Amino acid sequence: MTTGRKTKAALKGRFSPAKVRRRLSVGQSVRIARELNELSQNELAGLTGIAQSTISAIETDRVKLGAERAKMLARALRVHPAVLLFPGWRTEDESAA
């Protein structure tokens, strides 16, 4: 009697890793992290001391994020600064050395 469900062994090798559908910019990574934390730009500005207009400019890639701002934003957004600074980094594609 078959249940209609395939075993792991039967499925092994039939799936491939998901493809990256879209590369994120630094600004997009900041916006996504902010939205996941359910913060407005004004609320994030209050937590970091970075002006709301600057946060807006970062999110639209009109202003570079920079290491110091990345650290302040990362603390408030509870992520590692690298998540914000290097959203498209893949160890398979690039060597750190």
PDB file of N, CA and C in Angstrom:
ATOM      1  N   MET A   1       0.837  -1.173   0.000  1.00  0.00           N
ATOM      2  CA  MET A   1       0.000   0.000   0.000  1.00  0.00           C
ATOM      3  C   MET A   1       0.887   1.242   0.000  1.00  0.00           C
ATOM      4  N   THR A   2       0.637   2.172  -0.891  1.00  0.00           N
ATOM      5  CA  THR A   2       1.414   3.404  -0.940  1.00  0.00           C
ATOM      6  C   THR A   2       0.597   4.541  -0.361  1.00  0.00           C
ATOM      7  N   THR A   3       1.330   5.441   0.270  1.00  0.00           N
ATOM      8  CA  THR A   3       0.651   6.567   0.903  1.00  0.00           C
ATOM      9  C   THR A   3       0.678   7.811   0.036  1.00  0.00           C
ATOM     10  N   GLY A   4       1.393   7.747  -1.082  1.00  0.00           N
ATOM     11  CA  GLY A   4       1.474   8.923  -1.929  1.00  0.00           C
ATOM     12  C   GLY A   4       2.613   9.860  -1.541  1.00  0.00           C
ATOM     13  N   ARG A   5       3.292   9.529  -0.455  1.00  0.00           N
ATOM     14  CA  ARG A   5       4.426  10.359  -0.024  1.00  0.00           C
ATOM     15  C   ARG A   5       5.716   9.657  -0.392  1.00  0.00           C
ATOM     16  N   LYS A   6       6.635  10.400  -0.923  1.00  0.00           N
ATOM     17  CA  LYS A   6       7.916   9.823  -1.297  1.00  0.00           C
ATOM     18  C   LYS A   6       8.875   9.899  -0.116  1.00  0.00           C
ATOM     19  N   THR A   7       9.734   8.928  -0.032  1.00  0.00           N
ATOM     20  CA  THR A   7      10.723   8.915   1.041  1.00  0.00           C
ATOM     21  C   THR A   7      11.846   9.883   0.704  1.00  0.00           C
ATOM     22  N   LYS A   8      12.631  10.216   1.723  1.00  0.00           N
ATOM     23  CA  LYS A   8      13.777  11.105   1.499  1.00  0.00           C
ATOM     24  C   LYS A   8      14.733  10.500   0.486  1.00  0.00           C
ATOM     25  N   ALA A   9      14.913   9.207   0.563  1.00  0.00           N
ATOM     26  CA  ALA A   9      15.827   8.543  -0.365  1.00  0.00           C
ATOM     27  C   ALA A   9      15.341   8.687  -1.808  1.00  0.00           C
ATOM     28  N   ALA A  10      14.032   8.589  -2.010  1.00  0.00           N
ATOM     29  CA  ALA A  10      13.479   8.706  -3.356  1.00  0.00           C
ATOM     30  C   ALA A  10      13.608  10.124  -3.901  1.00  0.00           C
ATOM     31  N   LEU A  11      13.573  11.110  -3.001  1.00  0.00           N
ATOM     32  CA  LEU A  11      13.648  12.505  -3.420  1.00  0.00           C
ATOM     33  C   LEU A  11      15.080  13.024  -3.518  1.00  0.00           C
ATOM     34  N   LYS A  12      16.020  12.296  -2.931  1.00  0.00           N
ATOM     35  CA  LYS A  12      17.411  12.755  -2.899  1.00  0.00           C
ATOM     36  C   LYS A  12      17.936  12.975  -4.318  1.00  0.00           C
ATOM     37  N   GLY A  13      18.545  14.105  -4.515  1.00  0.00           N
ATOM     38  CA  GLY A  13      19.115  14.422  -5.808  1.00  0.00           C
ATOM     39  C   GLY A  13      18.130  15.031  -6.794  1.00  0.00           C
ATOM     40  N   ARG A  14      16.888  15.150  -6.417  1.00  0.00           N
ATOM     41  CA  ARG A  14      15.890  15.702  -7.335  1.00  0.00           C
ATOM     42  C   ARG A  14      15.680  17.193  -7.142  1.00  0.00           C
ATOM     43  N   PHE A  15      16.272  17.744  -6.090  1.00  0.00           N
ATOM     44  CA  PHE A  15      16.096  19.162  -5.803  1.00  0.00           C
ATOM     45  C   PHE A  15      17.427  19.878  -5.935  1.00  0.00           C
ATOM     46  N   SER A  16      17.376  21.097  -6.374  1.00  0.00           N
ATOM     47  CA  SER A  16      18.584  21.915  -6.447  1.00  0.00           C
ATOM     48  C   SER A  16      18.380  23.141  -5.568  1.00  0.00           C
ATOM     49  N   PRO A  17      19.467  23.775  -5.164  1.00  0.00           N
ATOM     50  CA  PRO A  17      19.331  24.961  -4.316  1.00  0.00           C
ATOM     51  C   PRO A  17      18.522  26.051  -5.017  1.00  0.00           C
ATOM     52  N   ALA A  18      17.834  26.838  -4.220  1.00  0.00           N
ATOM     53  CA  ALA A  18      17.067  27.957  -4.771  1.00  0.00           C
ATOM     54  C   ALA A  18      18.008  28.964  -5.410  1.00  0.00           C
ATOM     55  N   LYS A  19      17.589  29.540  -6.492  1.00  0.00           N
ATOM     56  CA  LYS A  19      18.391  30.539  -7.178  1.00  0.00           C
ATOM     57  C   LYS A  19      18.150  31.901  -6.565  1.00  0.00           C
ATOM     58  N   VAL A  20      19.186  32.730  -6.590  1.00  0.00           N
ATOM     59  CA  VAL A  20      19.027  34.103  -6.136  1.00  0.00           C
ATOM     60  C   VAL A  20      18.212  34.818  -7.204  1.00  0.00           C
ATOM     61  N   ARG A  21      17.094  35.347  -6.808  1.00  0.00           N
ATOM     62  CA  ARG A  21      16.204  35.975  -7.773  1.00  0.00           C
ATOM     63  C   ARG A  21      16.523  37.445  -7.994  1.00  0.00           C
ATOM     64  N   ARG A  22      17.051  38.081  -6.929  1.00  0.00           N
ATOM     65  CA  ARG A  22      17.301  39.509  -7.048  1.00  0.00           C
ATOM     66  C   ARG A  22      18.430  39.895  -6.097  1.00  0.00           C
ATOM     67  N   ARG A  23      19.340  40.663  -6.597  1.00  0.00           N
ATOM     68  CA  ARG A  23      20.420  41.172  -5.760  1.00  0.00           C
ATOM     69  C   ARG A  23      19.916  42.404  -5.028  1.00  0.00           C
ATOM     70  N   LEU A  24      20.256  42.514  -3.764  1.00  0.00           N
ATOM     71  CA  LEU A  24      19.844  43.672  -2.972  1.00  0.00           C
ATOM     72  C   LEU A  24      20.940  44.713  -2.953  1.00  0.00           C
ATOM     73  N   SER A  25      20.539  45.965  -2.941  1.00  0.00           N
ATOM     74  CA  SER A  25      21.492  47.043  -2.725  1.00  0.00           C
ATOM     75  C   SER A  25      21.638  47.236  -1.219  1.00  0.00           C
ATOM     76  N   VAL A  26      22.619  48.011  -0.824  1.00  0.00           N
ATOM     77  CA  VAL A  26      22.816  48.324   0.592  1.00  0.00           C
ATOM     78  C   VAL A  26      21.566  48.999   1.148  1.00  0.00           C
ATOM     79  N   GLY A  27      21.031  49.957   0.417  1.00  0.00           N
ATOM     80  CA  GLY A  27      19.834  50.662   0.864  1.00  0.00           C
ATOM     81  C   GLY A  27      18.643  49.744   1.041  1.00  0.00           C
ATOM     82  N   GLN A  28      18.485  48.809   0.123  1.00  0.00           N
ATOM     83  CA  GLN A  28      17.384  47.858   0.239  1.00  0.00           C
ATOM     84  C   GLN A  28      17.550  46.967   1.461  1.00  0.00           C
ATOM     85  N   SER A  29      18.784  46.573   1.774  1.00  0.00           N
ATOM     86  CA  SER A  29      19.005  45.730   2.956  1.00  0.00           C
ATOM     87  C   SER A  29      18.658  46.493   4.233  1.00  0.00           C
ATOM     88  N   VAL A  30      18.968  47.786   4.276  1.00  0.00           N
ATOM     89  CA  VAL A  30      18.617  48.601   5.444  1.00  0.00           C
ATOM     90  C   VAL A  30      17.099  48.707   5.569  1.00  0.00           C
ATOM     91  N   ARG A  31      16.429  48.986   4.469  1.00  0.00           N
ATOM     92  CA  ARG A  31      14.969  49.119   4.491  1.00  0.00           C
ATOM     93  C   ARG A  31      14.304  47.819   4.924  1.00  0.00           C
ATOM     94  N   ILE A  32      14.747  46.700   4.383  1.00  0.00           N
ATOM     95  CA  ILE A  32      14.153  45.409   4.733  1.00  0.00           C
ATOM     96  C   ILE A  32      14.354  45.100   6.211  1.00  0.00           C
ATOM     97  N   ALA A  33      15.566  45.332   6.725  1.00  0.00           N
ATOM     98  CA  ALA A  33      15.824  45.083   8.148  1.00  0.00           C
ATOM     99  C   ALA A  33      14.954  45.994   9.013  1.00  0.00           C
ATOM    100  N   ARG A  34      14.812  47.242   8.598  1.00  0.00           N
ATOM    101  CA  ARG A  34      13.960  48.182   9.351  1.00  0.00           C
ATOM    102  C   ARG A  34      12.514  47.705   9.361  1.00  0.00           C
ATOM    103  N   GLU A  35      12.009  47.326   8.206  1.00  0.00           N
ATOM    104  CA  GLU A  35      10.622  46.879   8.119  1.00  0.00           C
ATOM    105  C   GLU A  35      10.392  45.580   8.887  1.00  0.00           C
ATOM    106  N   LEU A  36      11.364  44.677   8.877  1.00  0.00           N
ATOM    107  CA  LEU A  36      11.231  43.435   9.646  1.00  0.00           C
ATOM    108  C   LEU A  36      11.172  43.705  11.150  1.00  0.00           C
ATOM    109  N   ASN A  37      11.789  44.803  11.567  1.00  0.00           N
ATOM    110  CA  ASN A  37      11.732  45.211  12.968  1.00  0.00           C
ATOM    111  C   ASN A  37      10.526  46.099  13.246  1.00  0.00           C
ATOM    112  N   GLU A  38       9.689  46.282  12.242  1.00  0.00           N
ATOM    113  CA  GLU A  38       8.471  47.080  12.346  1.00  0.00           C
ATOM    114  C   GLU A  38       8.746  48.489  12.867  1.00  0.00           C
ATOM    115  N   LEU A  39       9.770  49.111  12.292  1.00  0.00           N
ATOM    116  CA  LEU A  39      10.137  50.474  12.664  1.00  0.00           C
ATOM    117  C   LEU A  39       9.906  51.413  11.488  1.00  0.00           C
ATOM    118  N   SER A  40       9.463  52.613  11.791  1.00  0.00           N
ATOM    119  CA  SER A  40       9.401  53.656  10.771  1.00  0.00           C
ATOM    120  C   SER A  40      10.792  54.288  10.672  1.00  0.00           C
ATOM    121  N   GLN A  41      11.007  55.064   9.638  1.00  0.00           N
ATOM    122  CA  GLN A  41      12.276  55.784   9.532  1.00  0.00           C
ATOM    123  C   GLN A  41      12.447  56.717  10.721  1.00  0.00           C
ATOM    124  N   ASN A  42      11.373  57.374  11.154  1.00  0.00           N
ATOM    125  CA  ASN A  42      11.450  58.279  12.306  1.00  0.00           C
ATOM    126  C   ASN A  42      11.821  57.533  13.578  1.00  0.00           C
ATOM    127  N   GLU A  43      11.247  56.353  13.777  1.00  0.00           N
ATOM    128  CA  GLU A  43      11.575  55.566  14.966  1.00  0.00           C
ATOM    129  C   GLU A  43      13.034  55.113  14.937  1.00  0.00           C
ATOM    130  N   LEU A  44      13.500  54.690  13.776  1.00  0.00           N
ATOM    131  CA  LEU A  44      14.900  54.284  13.641  1.00  0.00           C
ATOM    132  C   LEU A  44      15.827  55.468  13.871  1.00  0.00           C
ATOM    133  N   ALA A  45      15.430  56.611  13.384  1.00  0.00           N
ATOM    134  CA  ALA A  45      16.223  57.829  13.620  1.00  0.00           C
ATOM    135  C   ALA A  45      16.331  58.105  15.117  1.00  0.00           C
ATOM    136  N   GLY A  46      15.246  57.948  15.849  1.00  0.00           N
ATOM    137  CA  GLY A  46      15.264  58.169  17.285  1.00  0.00           C
ATOM    138  C   GLY A  46      16.158  57.185  18.020  1.00  0.00           C
ATOM    139  N   LEU A  47      16.220  55.948  17.543  1.00  0.00           N
ATOM    140  CA  LEU A  47      17.048  54.930  18.183  1.00  0.00           C
ATOM    141  C   LEU A  47      18.536  55.102  17.891  1.00  0.00           C
ATOM    142  N   THR A  48      18.850  55.683  16.738  1.00  0.00           N
ATOM    143  CA  THR A  48      20.250  55.748  16.298  1.00  0.00           C
ATOM    144  C   THR A  48      20.884  57.133  16.380  1.00  0.00           C
ATOM    145  N   GLY A  49      20.059  58.164  16.386  1.00  0.00           N
ATOM    146  CA  GLY A  49      20.615  59.509  16.320  1.00  0.00           C
ATOM    147  C   GLY A  49      20.951  59.944  14.902  1.00  0.00           C
ATOM    148  N   ILE A  50      20.625  59.104  13.930  1.00  0.00           N
ATOM    149  CA  ILE A  50      20.828  59.444  12.518  1.00  0.00           C
ATOM    150  C   ILE A  50      19.549  60.124  12.042  1.00  0.00           C
ATOM    151  N   ALA A  51      19.680  61.233  11.365  1.00  0.00           N
ATOM    152  CA  ALA A  51      18.511  61.977  10.899  1.00  0.00           C
ATOM    153  C   ALA A  51      17.641  61.115   9.982  1.00  0.00           C
ATOM    154  N   GLN A  52      16.330  61.299  10.087  1.00  0.00           N
ATOM    155  CA  GLN A  52      15.395  60.553   9.242  1.00  0.00           C
ATOM    156  C   GLN A  52      15.688  60.789   7.768  1.00  0.00           C
ATOM    157  N   SER A  53      16.044  62.016   7.414  1.00  0.00           N
ATOM    158  CA  SER A  53      16.340  62.316   6.009  1.00  0.00           C
ATOM    159  C   SER A  53      17.575  61.538   5.531  1.00  0.00           C
ATOM    160  N   THR A  54      18.533  61.330   6.418  1.00  0.00           N
ATOM    161  CA  THR A  54      19.727  60.553   6.067  1.00  0.00           C
ATOM    162  C   THR A  54      19.363  59.081   5.906  1.00  0.00           C
ATOM    163  N   ILE A  55      18.503  58.562   6.794  1.00  0.00           N
ATOM    164  CA  ILE A  55      18.052  57.172   6.665  1.00  0.00           C
ATOM    165  C   ILE A  55      17.325  56.989   5.337  1.00  0.00           C
ATOM    166  N   SER A  56      16.484  57.941   4.975  1.00  0.00           N
ATOM    167  CA  SER A  56      15.788  57.885   3.698  1.00  0.00           C
ATOM    168  C   SER A  56      16.784  57.873   2.543  1.00  0.00           C
ATOM    169  N   ALA A  57      17.791  58.729   2.617  1.00  0.00           N
ATOM    170  CA  ALA A  57      18.802  58.801   1.558  1.00  0.00           C
ATOM    171  C   ALA A  57      19.622  57.511   1.476  1.00  0.00           C
ATOM    172  N   ILE A  58      19.903  56.873   2.615  1.00  0.00           N
ATOM    173  CA  ILE A  58      20.610  55.589   2.622  1.00  0.00           C
ATOM    174  C   ILE A  58      19.746  54.526   1.959  1.00  0.00           C
ATOM    175  N   GLU A  59      18.475  54.478   2.333  1.00  0.00           N
ATOM    176  CA  GLU A  59      17.570  53.460   1.802  1.00  0.00           C
ATOM    177  C   GLU A  59      17.345  53.596   0.299  1.00  0.00           C
ATOM    178  N   THR A  60      17.504  54.785  -0.232  1.00  0.00           N
ATOM    179  CA  THR A  60      17.340  54.994  -1.674  1.00  0.00           C
ATOM    180  C   THR A  60      18.691  55.066  -2.388  1.00  0.00           C
ATOM    181  N   ASP A  61      19.754  54.688  -1.659  1.00  0.00           N
ATOM    182  CA  ASP A  61      21.118  54.620  -2.196  1.00  0.00           C
ATOM    183  C   ASP A  61      21.635  55.956  -2.716  1.00  0.00           C
ATOM    184  N   ARG A  62      21.146  57.053  -2.135  1.00  0.00           N
ATOM    185  CA  ARG A  62      21.657  58.379  -2.494  1.00  0.00           C
ATOM    186  C   ARG A  62      22.830  58.772  -1.611  1.00  0.00           C
ATOM    187  N   VAL A  63      22.947  58.118  -0.447  1.00  0.00           N
ATOM    188  CA  VAL A  63      24.045  58.362   0.492  1.00  0.00           C
ATOM    189  C   VAL A  63      24.657  57.019   0.835  1.00  0.00           C
ATOM    190  N   LYS A  64      25.981  56.952   0.842  1.00  0.00           N
ATOM    191  CA  LYS A  64      26.653  55.704   1.209  1.00  0.00           C
ATOM    192  C   LYS A  64      26.490  55.447   2.698  1.00  0.00           C
ATOM    193  N   LEU A  65      26.352  54.178   3.037  1.00  0.00           N
ATOM    194  CA  LEU A  65      26.108  53.807   4.425  1.00  0.00           C
ATOM    195  C   LEU A  65      27.332  54.044   5.299  1.00  0.00           C
ATOM    196  N   GLY A  66      28.455  53.521   4.957  1.00  0.00           N
ATOM    197  CA  GLY A  66      29.668  53.689   5.748  1.00  0.00           C
ATOM    198  C   GLY A  66      29.670  52.807   6.990  1.00  0.00           C
ATOM    199  N   ALA A  67      30.857  52.487   7.467  1.00  0.00           N
ATOM    200  CA  ALA A  67      31.026  51.555   8.583  1.00  0.00           C
ATOM    201  C   ALA A  67      30.416  52.066   9.881  1.00  0.00           C
ATOM    202  N   GLU A  68      30.625  53.328  10.216  1.00  0.00           N
ATOM    203  CA  GLU A  68      30.119  53.836  11.497  1.00  0.00           C
ATOM    204  C   GLU A  68      28.591  53.878  11.525  1.00  0.00           C
ATOM    205  N   ARG A  69      27.986  54.342  10.439  1.00  0.00           N
ATOM    206  CA  ARG A  69      26.519  54.335  10.383  1.00  0.00           C
ATOM    207  C   ARG A  69      25.989  52.910  10.388  1.00  0.00           C
ATOM    208  N   ALA A  70      26.693  52.010   9.698  1.00  0.00           N
ATOM    209  CA  ALA A  70      26.269  50.607   9.668  1.00  0.00           C
ATOM    210  C   ALA A  70      26.254  50.019  11.076  1.00  0.00           C
ATOM    211  N   LYS A  71      27.245  50.361  11.878  1.00  0.00           N
ATOM    212  CA  LYS A  71      27.300  49.861  13.263  1.00  0.00           C
ATOM    213  C   LYS A  71      26.116  50.379  14.076  1.00  0.00           C
ATOM    214  N   MET A  72      25.823  51.666  13.945  1.00  0.00           N
ATOM    215  CA  MET A  72      24.704  52.252  14.700  1.00  0.00           C
ATOM    216  C   MET A  72      23.372  51.642  14.266  1.00  0.00           C
ATOM    217  N   LEU A  73      23.174  51.514  12.960  1.00  0.00           N
ATOM    218  CA  LEU A  73      21.939  50.930  12.458  1.00  0.00           C
ATOM    219  C   LEU A  73      21.831  49.452  12.837  1.00  0.00           C
ATOM    220  N   ALA A  74      22.936  48.735  12.744  1.00  0.00           N
ATOM    221  CA  ALA A  74      22.930  47.301  13.061  1.00  0.00           C
ATOM    222  C   ALA A  74      22.535  47.057  14.514  1.00  0.00           C
ATOM    223  N   ARG A  75      23.032  47.881  15.423  1.00  0.00           N
ATOM    224  CA  ARG A  75      22.644  47.726  16.836  1.00  0.00           C
ATOM    225  C   ARG A  75      21.140  47.897  17.009  1.00  0.00           C
ATOM    226  N   ALA A  76      20.599  48.928  16.380  1.00  0.00           N
ATOM    227  CA  ALA A  76      19.167  49.207  16.509  1.00  0.00           C
ATOM    228  C   ALA A  76      18.316  48.144  15.820  1.00  0.00           C
ATOM    229  N   LEU A  77      18.826  47.596  14.714  1.00  0.00           N
ATOM    230  CA  LEU A  77      18.061  46.621  13.931  1.00  0.00           C
ATOM    231  C   LEU A  77      18.362  45.184  14.340  1.00  0.00           C
ATOM    232  N   ARG A  78      19.274  45.017  15.274  1.00  0.00           N
ATOM    233  CA  ARG A  78      19.647  43.705  15.797  1.00  0.00           C
ATOM    234  C   ARG A  78      20.132  42.747  14.708  1.00  0.00           C
ATOM    235  N   VAL A  79      21.036  43.273  13.868  1.00  0.00           N
ATOM    236  CA  VAL A  79      21.691  42.458  12.848  1.00  0.00           C
ATOM    237  C   VAL A  79      23.183  42.756  12.892  1.00  0.00           C
ATOM    238  N   HIS A  80      23.965  41.926  12.242  1.00  0.00           N
ATOM    239  CA  HIS A  80      25.394  42.184  12.126  1.00  0.00           C
ATOM    240  C   HIS A  80      25.594  43.274  11.076  1.00  0.00           C
ATOM    241  N   PRO A  81      26.543  44.192  11.284  1.00  0.00           N
ATOM    242  CA  PRO A  81      26.759  45.258  10.288  1.00  0.00           C
ATOM    243  C   PRO A  81      27.020  44.735   8.879  1.00  0.00           C
ATOM    244  N   ALA A  82      27.614  43.561   8.766  1.00  0.00           N
ATOM    245  CA  ALA A  82      27.894  42.992   7.442  1.00  0.00           C
ATOM    246  C   ALA A  82      26.610  42.708   6.670  1.00  0.00           C
ATOM    247  N   VAL A  83      25.540  42.401   7.374  1.00  0.00           N
ATOM    248  CA  VAL A  83      24.253  42.159   6.707  1.00  0.00           C
ATOM    249  C   VAL A  83      23.816  43.406   5.951  1.00  0.00           C
ATOM    250  N   LEU A  84      24.104  44.558   6.523  1.00  0.00           N
ATOM    251  CA  LEU A  84      23.719  45.822   5.896  1.00  0.00           C
ATOM    252  C   LEU A  84      24.720  46.256   4.833  1.00  0.00           C
ATOM    253  N   LEU A  85      26.002  46.109   5.137  1.00  0.00           N
ATOM    254  CA  LEU A  85      27.045  46.597   4.233  1.00  0.00           C
ATOM    255  C   LEU A  85      27.276  45.704   3.013  1.00  0.00           C
ATOM    256  N   PHE A  86      27.090  44.393   3.178  1.00  0.00           N
ATOM    257  CA  PHE A  86      27.388  43.443   2.101  1.00  0.00           C
ATOM    258  C   PHE A  86      26.205  42.501   1.845  1.00  0.00           C
ATOM    259  N   PRO A  87      25.073  43.040   1.395  1.00  0.00           N
ATOM    260  CA  PRO A  87      23.883  42.192   1.255  1.00  0.00           C
ATOM    261  C   PRO A  87      24.019  41.090   0.219  1.00  0.00           C
ATOM    262  N   GLY A  88      24.877  41.242  -0.748  1.00  0.00           N
ATOM    263  CA  GLY A  88      24.999  40.230  -1.802  1.00  0.00           C
ATOM    264  C   GLY A  88      26.200  39.333  -1.656  1.00  0.00           C
ATOM    265  N   TRP A  89      26.897  39.408  -0.533  1.00  0.00           N
ATOM    266  CA  TRP A  89      28.118  38.624  -0.356  1.00  0.00           C
ATOM    267  C   TRP A  89      27.801  37.139  -0.324  1.00  0.00           C
ATOM    268  N   ARG A  90      28.527  36.398  -1.142  1.00  0.00           N
ATOM    269  CA  ARG A  90      28.396  34.939  -1.158  1.00  0.00           C
ATOM    270  C   ARG A  90      29.783  34.347  -1.069  1.00  0.00           C
ATOM    271  N   THR A  91      30.016  33.525  -0.078  1.00  0.00           N
ATOM    272  CA  THR A  91      31.336  32.951   0.100  1.00  0.00           C
ATOM    273  C   THR A  91      31.713  32.042  -1.067  1.00  0.00           C
ATOM    274  N   GLU A  92      30.729  31.500  -1.757  1.00  0.00           N
ATOM    275  CA  GLU A  92      31.013  30.622  -2.895  1.00  0.00           C
ATOM    276  C   GLU A  92      31.584  31.416  -4.070  1.00  0.00           C
ATOM    277  N   ASP A  93      31.216  32.685  -4.160  1.00  0.00           N
ATOM    278  CA  ASP A  93      31.608  33.509  -5.307  1.00  0.00           C
ATOM    279  C   ASP A  93      32.901  34.283  -5.087  1.00  0.00           C
ATOM    280  N   GLU A  94      33.193  34.635  -3.829  1.00  0.00           N
ATOM    281  CA  GLU A  94      34.310  35.512  -3.559  1.00  0.00           C
ATOM    282  C   GLU A  94      35.138  34.995  -2.404  1.00  0.00           C
ATOM    283  N   SER A  95      36.403  35.236  -2.506  1.00  0.00           N
ATOM    284  CA  SER A  95      37.309  34.834  -1.427  1.00  0.00           C
ATOM    285  C   SER A  95      37.544  36.022  -0.521  1.00  0.00           C
ATOM    286  N   ALA A  96      37.608  35.765   0.769  1.00  0.00           N
ATOM    287  CA  ALA A  96      37.869  36.839   1.730  1.00  0.00           C
ATOM    288  C   ALA A  96      39.362  37.168   1.764  1.00  0.00           C
ATOM    289  N   ALA A  97      40.200  36.330   1.220  1.00  0.00           N
ATOM    290  CA  ALA A  97      41.651  36.555   1.270  1.00  0.00           C
ATOM    291  C   ALA A  97      42.128  37.342   0.080  1.00  0.00           C
TER     292      ALA A  97
END
